[in-house]
């Protein structure tokens, strides 16, 4: 089952700030994860959030996301942030 990937405005800004080669690598990885039957197999669950929040590791970068399981026919992978590992958890909106 392919997951539809939706990038938040904040994550799009994060990607715009990065080097194009890094952006290509991140987008390719997120696309690969979204085509898996269980993308959470490659994710780590983050603690301290009201909604279940996860992250993918792509080199030194972290892609923070949530799965929208409300509609069982269409599951959306919402990418919240894409930042360097030193910065990703600072001021992360919950």
Foldseek 3Di string as FASTA:
>chain_A
DAAAEAEDPQAVVQLVPDDPVVSVQVVVVVRVLRPDPDSCVQWDWDPDDPATKIWHDRPQKIFIWHWDPPDVVHIYTYTYHIDGNVPPVPPRDD
